[in-house]
Amino acid sequence: MKILSTQVCIIGAGPSGLLLGQLLHDIGIDTIIVERSSLDHVLSRVRAGVLEQGAQRTLEAAGIGGRMHAQGLVHEGFAITRETDVHRIDLSGLTGGKWVTVYGQTEVTRDLVDRRADTGGVTYYSVDAVEPHDFAGDKPHVTCRIDGEEVRIDCRFIAGCDGFHGASRRAVPEKSIRTFEKVYPFGWLGILSDVPPVSHELIYASHSRGFALCSMRSKSRSRYYIQCNAGDSVEAWSDDRFWTELRRRLPPDIAEAVTTGPSFEKSIAPLRSFVAEPMRFGSLFLVGDAAHIVPPTGAKGLNLAVSDVHYLFEGLCGHFLERDRFLLDSYSERALARAWKAVRFSWWMTTMLHRFPEQGPFEARILETELAYTLSSEAAKTALAENYVGLPY
């Protein structure tokens, strides 16, 4: 067996793993990243990308702000529609000048991959049989197969950035972890198409036929979603059927302005809320989707992963550079406090804007009233905007 050693072994080369690795690498803390997928697969993952300002600052600290600022689309507001009515949420006006930037997660990942290569960071792709070991003891390590060779990576800490289905959380004894989960009875059917967006800002549509979202990746590439049944298949939705249903859920003037075209990516995303507690187990730390999942309503998934990285990076800096363990020891508490607030917000937006198949008349009317109140109250819109632009780290 080949033996490698590093200070921090990071499992997963998605945005959270690459970001943590780059921040640590830049201040001289040694890292090795292992990823089960190929580099081509990692770079082909299509994900959302609405970045809070806190996330943008963290990406800048990792040296990848240039393309984000050059190509990202700054949004100072978004719209919520109710059947035929349109209401704009003025993010900047309601939050004292804050905004979000639309910049796809695929692009963030590409920037981080390039930055790590340019600075000499070590990342292994297409790695098999990744398993963390002895993280409750004094010899934490990760075993895996790299290019068919059995490898052991000795380290001081393990960062589990390997997503909901990864090995890190599965390695934790069941008695040591508590999970909370809500599975929603619908999904989001999403398409990407090289057509100009219908609006320069996002549109969240609440309609009796179901939810819809109009978003974008650039000024010439659109991302659209519609709420669909949990059991639907992508094959059942032709492009024509999708465009027709999307337009039905939008106010007439917006529907008329939608530019249609062939999709080059189409998928159905299930919706769930999930939290694992705690997020630290000895020398193993869970980060991002390994610890929590939120429905895409409100765009908190990537932003939560970045805030986890921020807290863990602070803790590891304190441990290695200042011999101070306070921030590392409080990582789970700090990360979970912010995560639960984002989980609440995403659940609230999802519940308010979607139609649930099991809803009775009372529940339906309550949610209609919740949305009406939110759109008519300055205080409620301020709370919505405050959460949307991102709570402080």
Protein backbone atom coordinates (compact mmCIF):
# COMPACT_ATOMS: atom_id res chain seq x y z
CA MET A 1 0.00 0.00 0.00
CA LYS A 2 1.24 3.45 -0.91
CA ILE A 3 1.38 5.92 2.01
CA LEU A 4 0.77 9.64 1.54
CA SER A 5 0.61 12.29 4.24
CA THR A 6 -0.90 15.75 4.50
CA GLN A 7 -2.28 18.10 7.13
CA VAL A 8 -5.87 18.10 5.80
CA CYS A 9 -7.34 15.42 3.56
CA ILE A 10 -10.39 16.72 1.71
CA ILE A 11 -12.89 14.21 0.36
CA GLY A 12 -14.72 15.69 -2.62
CA ALA A 13 -13.66 18.11 -5.36
CA GLY A 14 -16.89 20.01 -5.72
CA PRO A 15 -16.97 23.75 -4.96
CA SER A 16 -16.70 23.33 -1.18
CA GLY A 17 -13.76 20.92 -1.29
CA LEU A 18 -11.86 22.91 -3.90
CA LEU A 19 -12.55 26.21 -2.11
CA LEU A 20 -11.41 24.92 1.27
CA GLY A 21 -8.35 23.36 -0.33
CA GLN A 22 -7.40 26.58 -2.09
CA LEU A 23 -7.82 28.80 0.97
CA LEU A 24 -5.65 26.44 3.02
CA HIS A 25 -3.07 25.97 0.26
CA ASP A 26 -2.66 29.73 -0.14
CA ILE A 27 -1.57 30.14 3.49
CA GLY A 28 0.75 27.14 3.48
CA ILE A 29 -1.45 24.45 5.06
CA ASP A 30 -0.91 21.21 3.13
CA THR A 31 -3.95 19.52 1.58
CA ILE A 32 -4.77 16.55 -0.62
CA ILE A 33 -8.17 16.35 -2.34
CA VAL A 34 -9.61 13.02 -3.49
CA GLU A 35 -12.65 12.88 -5.78
CA ARG A 36 -14.55 9.78 -6.92
CA SER A 37 -15.66 11.29 -10.25
CA SER A 38 -13.53 12.22 -13.24
CA LEU A 39 -12.48 15.81 -13.80
CA ASP A 40 -14.64 15.95 -16.94
CA HIS A 41 -17.68 14.83 -14.93
CA VAL A 42 -17.01 17.36 -12.17
CA LEU A 43 -16.84 20.15 -14.74
CA SER A 44 -19.99 18.98 -16.51
CA ARG A 45 -22.29 19.17 -13.46
CA VAL A 46 -25.05 21.71 -14.06
CA ARG A 47 -26.02 23.54 -10.89
CA ALA A 48 -27.58 26.85 -9.92
CA GLY A 49 -25.49 29.85 -9.04
CA VAL A 50 -26.95 32.82 -7.19
CA LEU A 51 -24.11 34.07 -5.00
CA GLU A 52 -24.52 36.06 -1.81
CA GLN A 53 -21.98 38.80 -1.17
CA GLY A 54 -20.43 36.76 1.64
CA ALA A 55 -19.85 33.91 -0.79
CA GLN A 56 -18.38 36.31 -3.32
CA ARG A 57 -15.91 37.65 -0.75
CA THR A 58 -14.82 34.12 0.13
CA LEU A 59 -14.29 33.25 -3.54
CA GLU A 60 -12.28 36.44 -3.94
CA ALA A 61 -10.12 35.41 -0.98
CA ALA A 62 -9.34 32.19 -2.87
CA GLY A 63 -8.10 34.23 -5.83
CA ILE A 64 -10.93 33.52 -8.27
CA GLY A 65 -12.94 36.73 -8.30
CA GLY A 66 -11.86 38.00 -11.73
CA ARG A 67 -14.11 36.01 -14.07
CA MET A 68 -16.98 36.11 -11.56
CA HIS A 69 -16.97 39.92 -11.58
CA ALA A 70 -16.43 40.14 -15.34
CA GLN A 71 -19.16 37.69 -16.35
CA GLY A 72 -21.48 37.51 -13.34
CA LEU A 73 -24.82 39.31 -13.46
CA VAL A 74 -25.51 41.61 -10.51
CA HIS A 75 -29.15 41.44 -9.36
CA GLU A 76 -30.55 44.12 -7.06
CA GLY A 77 -34.02 42.57 -7.00
CA PHE A 78 -36.29 39.82 -8.25
CA ALA A 79 -39.98 39.37 -9.01
CA ILE A 80 -42.70 37.22 -7.47
CA THR A 81 -45.83 36.71 -9.53
CA ARG A 82 -49.28 35.65 -8.30
CA GLU A 83 -51.32 34.41 -11.23
CA THR A 84 -51.42 37.66 -13.27
CA ASP A 85 -49.91 40.06 -10.70
CA VAL A 86 -46.21 40.98 -10.61
CA HIS A 87 -44.43 42.21 -7.46
CA ARG A 88 -40.76 43.24 -7.40
CA ILE A 89 -38.66 42.61 -4.29
CA ASP A 90 -36.16 45.47 -4.15
CA LEU A 91 -33.22 43.68 -2.54
CA SER A 92 -30.93 46.69 -2.59
CA GLY A 93 -33.51 49.14 -1.29
CA LEU A 94 -34.73 46.83 1.46
CA THR A 95 -31.27 45.80 2.72
CA GLY A 96 -29.30 49.01 2.53
CA GLY A 97 -27.59 48.39 -0.79
CA LYS A 98 -26.93 44.63 -0.84
CA TRP A 99 -27.32 42.44 -3.91
CA VAL A 100 -26.67 38.95 -5.29
CA THR A 101 -24.69 37.88 -8.36
CA VAL A 102 -25.80 35.21 -10.84
CA TYR A 103 -22.72 33.14 -11.70
CA GLY A 104 -23.16 29.43 -12.35
CA GLN A 105 -21.78 26.83 -9.96
CA THR A 106 -20.19 25.11 -12.96
CA GLU A 107 -18.18 28.27 -13.59
CA VAL A 108 -17.20 28.55 -9.91
CA THR A 109 -15.94 24.96 -10.04
CA ARG A 110 -13.99 25.59 -13.25
CA ASP A 111 -12.36 28.67 -11.73
CA LEU A 112 -11.35 26.71 -8.63
CA VAL A 113 -10.00 23.78 -10.67
CA ASP A 114 -7.87 26.16 -12.74
CA ARG A 115 -6.67 28.05 -9.67
CA ARG A 116 -5.62 24.85 -7.89
CA ALA A 117 -3.73 23.66 -10.94
CA ASP A 118 -1.99 27.02 -11.33
CA THR A 119 -0.87 27.06 -7.68
CA GLY A 120 0.27 23.44 -7.51
CA GLY A 121 -2.43 21.97 -5.28
CA VAL A 122 -2.78 18.19 -5.29
CA THR A 123 -6.10 16.72 -6.45
CA TYR A 124 -6.78 13.11 -7.43
CA TYR A 125 -9.80 12.34 -9.62
CA SER A 126 -11.55 9.04 -10.44
CA VAL A 127 -10.60 7.73 -7.01
CA ASP A 128 -12.29 4.50 -5.88
CA ALA A 129 -13.26 3.11 -2.48
CA VAL A 130 -12.72 6.32 -0.47
CA GLU A 131 -13.16 5.72 3.28
CA PRO A 132 -12.25 7.86 6.32
CA HIS A 133 -10.84 5.97 9.33
CA ASP A 134 -9.95 6.51 13.00
CA PHE A 135 -11.30 10.05 13.05
CA ALA A 136 -12.35 9.47 16.66
CA GLY A 137 -8.81 8.39 17.54
CA ASP A 138 -5.32 9.82 17.21
CA LYS A 139 -4.41 8.46 13.76
CA PRO A 140 -7.02 9.76 11.31
CA HIS A 141 -6.49 8.62 7.74
CA VAL A 142 -8.29 8.00 4.47
CA THR A 143 -7.95 4.86 2.37
CA CYS A 144 -8.73 4.73 -1.33
CA ARG A 145 -7.61 3.39 -4.72
CA ILE A 146 -5.83 5.78 -7.05
CA ASP A 147 -5.18 4.46 -10.57
CA GLY A 148 -5.84 0.96 -9.24
CA GLU A 149 -3.28 1.24 -6.42
CA GLU A 150 -4.26 0.97 -2.76
CA VAL A 151 -3.41 4.24 -1.00
CA ARG A 152 -3.49 5.40 2.60
CA ILE A 153 -3.49 9.15 3.29
CA ASP A 154 -2.38 10.01 6.82
CA CYS A 155 -3.57 13.40 8.01
CA ARG A 156 -4.42 15.53 11.00
CA PHE A 157 -7.98 16.39 9.89
CA ILE A 158 -10.49 15.09 7.34
CA ALA A 159 -12.95 17.43 5.60
CA GLY A 160 -15.98 15.60 4.24
CA CYS A 161 -17.01 17.70 1.24
CA ASP A 162 -18.39 14.75 -0.72
CA GLY A 163 -22.09 15.55 -0.84
CA PHE A 164 -25.27 13.92 0.39
CA HIS A 165 -24.38 10.45 -0.93
CA GLY A 166 -20.69 10.56 -0.04
CA ALA A 167 -18.63 8.34 2.22
CA SER A 168 -17.93 10.88 4.96
CA ARG A 169 -21.31 11.03 6.68
CA ARG A 170 -21.87 7.29 6.13
CA ALA A 171 -18.69 6.59 8.08
CA VAL A 172 -20.09 8.19 11.24
CA PRO A 173 -21.58 5.66 13.72
CA GLU A 174 -25.37 5.89 13.68
CA LYS A 175 -25.54 6.53 17.42
CA SER A 176 -23.31 9.60 17.05
CA ILE A 177 -25.38 11.50 14.52
CA ARG A 178 -28.92 12.82 14.34
CA THR A 179 -30.64 13.67 11.07
CA PHE A 180 -33.69 15.76 10.23
CA GLU A 181 -35.40 15.42 6.87
CA LYS A 182 -38.43 16.59 4.92
CA VAL A 183 -39.04 15.21 1.43
CA TYR A 184 -41.33 17.35 -0.71
CA PRO A 185 -44.01 15.64 -2.83
CA PHE A 186 -42.88 17.24 -6.09
CA GLY A 187 -39.78 18.03 -8.10
CA TRP A 188 -38.38 20.76 -10.31
CA LEU A 189 -38.17 20.05 -14.03
CA GLY A 190 -35.41 22.30 -15.33
CA ILE A 191 -34.03 23.08 -18.76
CA LEU A 192 -31.09 25.04 -20.12
CA SER A 193 -31.51 26.74 -23.47
CA ASP A 194 -29.38 29.16 -25.46
CA VAL A 195 -32.06 31.83 -25.64
CA PRO A 196 -32.08 35.28 -23.99
CA PRO A 197 -33.75 35.40 -20.55
CA VAL A 198 -37.28 36.75 -20.38
CA SER A 199 -36.18 39.23 -17.70
CA HIS A 200 -32.91 40.69 -16.46
CA GLU A 201 -33.95 39.57 -12.95
CA LEU A 202 -35.26 36.25 -11.64
CA ILE A 203 -39.00 35.63 -11.64
CA TYR A 204 -40.57 33.31 -9.03
CA ALA A 205 -44.07 32.38 -10.17
CA SER A 206 -46.81 31.14 -7.84
CA HIS A 207 -49.74 29.78 -9.86
CA SER A 208 -52.68 27.46 -9.38
CA ARG A 209 -51.04 25.06 -11.89
CA GLY A 210 -47.83 25.00 -9.83
CA PHE A 211 -44.61 26.90 -9.29
CA ALA A 212 -42.27 28.16 -12.02
CA LEU A 213 -38.92 29.98 -12.02
CA CYS A 214 -37.36 32.06 -14.78
CA SER A 215 -33.61 32.44 -14.30
CA MET A 216 -30.48 32.66 -16.39
CA ARG A 217 -26.81 31.73 -16.71
CA SER A 218 -25.88 34.67 -18.92
CA LYS A 219 -27.46 37.27 -21.17
CA SER A 220 -27.83 34.62 -23.87
CA ARG A 221 -28.45 31.43 -21.85
CA SER A 222 -31.65 30.82 -19.87
CA ARG A 223 -32.48 28.40 -17.07
CA TYR A 224 -36.18 27.70 -16.52
CA TYR A 225 -37.96 25.44 -14.03
CA ILE A 226 -41.49 24.23 -13.46
CA GLN A 227 -42.90 22.27 -10.54
CA CYS A 228 -43.72 18.72 -11.62
CA ASN A 229 -44.95 15.51 -10.02
CA ALA A 230 -42.38 13.58 -8.03
CA GLY A 231 -42.82 10.52 -10.25
CA ASP A 232 -42.50 12.31 -13.60
CA SER A 233 -39.82 11.26 -16.08
CA VAL A 234 -37.79 13.64 -18.21
CA GLU A 235 -38.77 11.68 -21.30
CA ALA A 236 -42.43 12.59 -20.76
CA TRP A 237 -41.61 16.28 -21.17
CA SER A 238 -40.82 17.38 -24.70
CA ASP A 239 -39.45 20.89 -25.18
CA ASP A 240 -42.79 22.01 -26.64
CA ARG A 241 -44.70 20.65 -23.65
CA PHE A 242 -42.31 22.37 -21.25
CA TRP A 243 -42.53 25.78 -22.93
CA THR A 244 -46.31 25.56 -23.11
CA GLU A 245 -46.64 24.74 -19.42
CA LEU A 246 -44.13 27.40 -18.39
CA ARG A 247 -46.07 30.08 -20.20
CA ARG A 248 -49.33 28.99 -18.59
CA ARG A 249 -47.85 29.72 -15.16
CA LEU A 250 -46.64 33.23 -15.99
CA PRO A 251 -48.59 36.49 -16.27
CA PRO A 252 -49.67 37.00 -19.91
CA ASP A 253 -47.25 39.82 -20.75
CA ILE A 254 -44.28 37.85 -19.37
CA ALA A 255 -45.43 34.63 -21.05
CA GLU A 256 -45.67 36.43 -24.39
CA ALA A 257 -42.08 37.70 -24.02
CA VAL A 258 -40.54 34.23 -23.40
CA THR A 259 -38.15 33.26 -26.19
CA THR A 260 -38.26 29.52 -26.78
CA GLY A 261 -35.67 27.24 -28.30
CA PRO A 262 -34.23 23.72 -28.06
CA SER A 263 -32.96 22.64 -24.66
CA PHE A 264 -29.47 21.20 -24.34
CA GLU A 265 -29.94 19.98 -20.75
CA LYS A 266 -33.10 18.76 -19.08
CA SER A 267 -33.44 17.14 -15.67
CA ILE A 268 -35.79 16.66 -12.73
CA ALA A 269 -34.47 17.58 -9.29
CA PRO A 270 -36.21 16.13 -6.23
CA LEU A 271 -36.72 18.60 -3.38
CA ARG A 272 -35.78 17.89 0.22
CA SER A 273 -34.69 19.61 3.39
CA PHE A 274 -32.03 17.71 5.35
CA VAL A 275 -29.74 18.48 8.27
CA ALA A 276 -27.24 16.26 10.07
CA GLU A 277 -26.11 17.14 13.60
CA PRO A 278 -23.41 17.63 14.68
CA MET A 279 -21.06 18.53 11.81
CA ARG A 280 -17.90 17.43 13.59
CA PHE A 281 -16.83 13.97 14.76
CA GLY A 282 -13.36 14.09 16.25
CA SER A 283 -11.05 14.88 13.35
CA LEU A 284 -13.79 14.57 10.71
CA PHE A 285 -15.76 17.65 9.66
CA LEU A 286 -18.82 17.59 7.42
CA VAL A 287 -19.08 20.44 4.93
CA GLY A 288 -21.83 21.51 2.53
CA ASP A 289 -24.22 18.92 1.14
CA ALA A 290 -22.65 16.22 3.28
CA ALA A 291 -24.28 17.94 6.25
CA HIS A 292 -27.33 19.72 4.88
CA ILE A 293 -29.57 19.94 1.82
CA VAL A 294 -32.06 22.69 1.05
CA PRO A 295 -34.63 22.93 -1.75
CA PRO A 296 -33.40 25.25 -4.51
CA THR A 297 -36.07 27.85 -3.71
CA GLY A 298 -34.08 30.81 -2.41
CA ALA A 299 -30.73 29.62 -3.84
CA LYS A 300 -29.05 28.70 -0.55
CA GLY A 301 -27.29 25.40 -1.33
CA LEU A 302 -23.96 26.66 -2.71
CA ASN A 303 -23.99 29.67 -0.39
CA LEU A 304 -24.37 27.42 2.66
CA ALA A 305 -21.44 25.29 1.50
CA VAL A 306 -19.31 28.42 1.20
CA SER A 307 -20.25 29.60 4.70
CA ASP A 308 -19.29 26.15 6.07
CA VAL A 309 -15.93 26.51 4.35
CA HIS A 310 -15.53 29.96 5.89
CA TYR A 311 -16.10 28.63 9.41
CA LEU A 312 -13.87 25.57 8.95
CA PHE A 313 -11.11 27.59 7.34
CA GLU A 314 -11.14 29.99 10.29
CA GLY A 315 -10.94 27.06 12.68
CA LEU A 316 -8.08 25.33 10.86
CA CYS A 317 -6.17 28.62 10.63
CA GLY A 318 -6.54 29.07 14.38
CA HIS A 319 -5.35 25.51 15.03
CA PHE A 320 -2.34 25.43 12.70
CA LEU A 321 -1.17 29.04 12.73
CA GLU A 322 -2.13 30.35 16.17
CA ARG A 323 -2.39 27.19 18.31
CA ASP A 324 -5.90 28.31 19.23
CA ARG A 325 -8.62 25.64 19.06
CA PHE A 326 -11.64 27.77 19.94
CA LEU A 327 -12.93 28.38 16.41
CA LEU A 328 -12.25 24.79 15.38
CA ASP A 329 -14.04 23.44 18.44
CA SER A 330 -17.03 25.70 17.75
CA TYR A 331 -17.24 24.89 14.02
CA SER A 332 -20.29 22.65 14.25
CA GLU A 333 -22.25 25.04 16.46
CA ARG A 334 -21.52 28.08 14.28
CA ALA A 335 -22.15 26.34 10.97
CA LEU A 336 -25.38 24.72 12.14
CA ALA A 337 -26.76 27.99 13.54
CA ARG A 338 -26.49 29.58 10.12
CA ALA A 339 -27.55 26.43 8.26
CA TRP A 340 -30.80 26.07 10.17
CA LYS A 341 -31.73 29.68 9.38
CA ALA A 342 -31.18 29.00 5.67
CA VAL A 343 -33.11 25.72 5.92
CA ARG A 344 -36.01 27.60 7.50
CA PHE A 345 -35.95 30.26 4.79
CA SER A 346 -35.82 27.73 1.95
CA TRP A 347 -38.64 25.70 3.52
CA TRP A 348 -40.71 28.88 3.98
CA MET A 349 -40.27 30.03 0.38
CA THR A 350 -40.94 26.54 -0.96
CA THR A 351 -44.09 26.13 1.13
CA MET A 352 -45.42 29.56 0.24
CA LEU A 353 -44.84 29.42 -3.52
CA HIS A 354 -45.70 25.80 -4.40
CA ARG A 355 -48.93 23.84 -4.63
CA PHE A 356 -48.93 20.69 -2.49
CA PRO A 357 -50.99 17.72 -3.72
CA GLU A 358 -52.26 16.90 -0.21
CA GLN A 359 -53.34 20.46 0.62
CA GLY A 360 -56.89 20.91 1.82
CA PRO A 361 -58.87 24.12 1.27
CA PHE A 362 -57.80 25.58 4.63
CA GLU A 363 -54.07 25.02 4.05
CA ALA A 364 -54.32 26.37 0.52
CA ARG A 365 -56.03 29.56 1.67
CA ILE A 366 -53.50 30.04 4.51
CA LEU A 367 -50.60 29.88 2.04
CA GLU A 368 -52.36 32.26 -0.35
CA THR A 369 -52.77 34.67 2.55
CA GLU A 370 -49.13 34.21 3.60
CA LEU A 371 -47.95 35.22 0.15
CA ALA A 372 -50.41 38.13 -0.04
CA TYR A 373 -49.25 39.42 3.34
CA THR A 374 -45.58 39.07 2.45
CA LEU A 375 -46.02 41.08 -0.75
CA SER A 376 -48.06 43.81 0.96
CA SER A 377 -45.96 44.30 4.10
CA GLU A 378 -42.76 46.32 4.06
CA ALA A 379 -41.54 44.48 7.16
CA ALA A 380 -42.22 41.06 5.62
CA LYS A 381 -40.52 42.03 2.34
CA THR A 382 -37.52 43.30 4.31
CA ALA A 383 -37.21 39.97 6.12
CA LEU A 384 -37.47 38.16 2.77
CA ALA A 385 -34.79 40.37 1.22
CA GLU A 386 -32.49 40.09 4.25
CA ASN A 387 -32.53 36.30 4.01
CA TYR A 388 -32.26 36.23 0.23
CA VAL A 389 -29.11 38.37 0.06
CA GLY A 390 -27.61 36.23 2.84
CA LEU A 391 -27.34 36.44 6.60
CA PRO A 392 -23.93 37.49 7.99
CA TYR A 393 -21.26 34.89 8.74
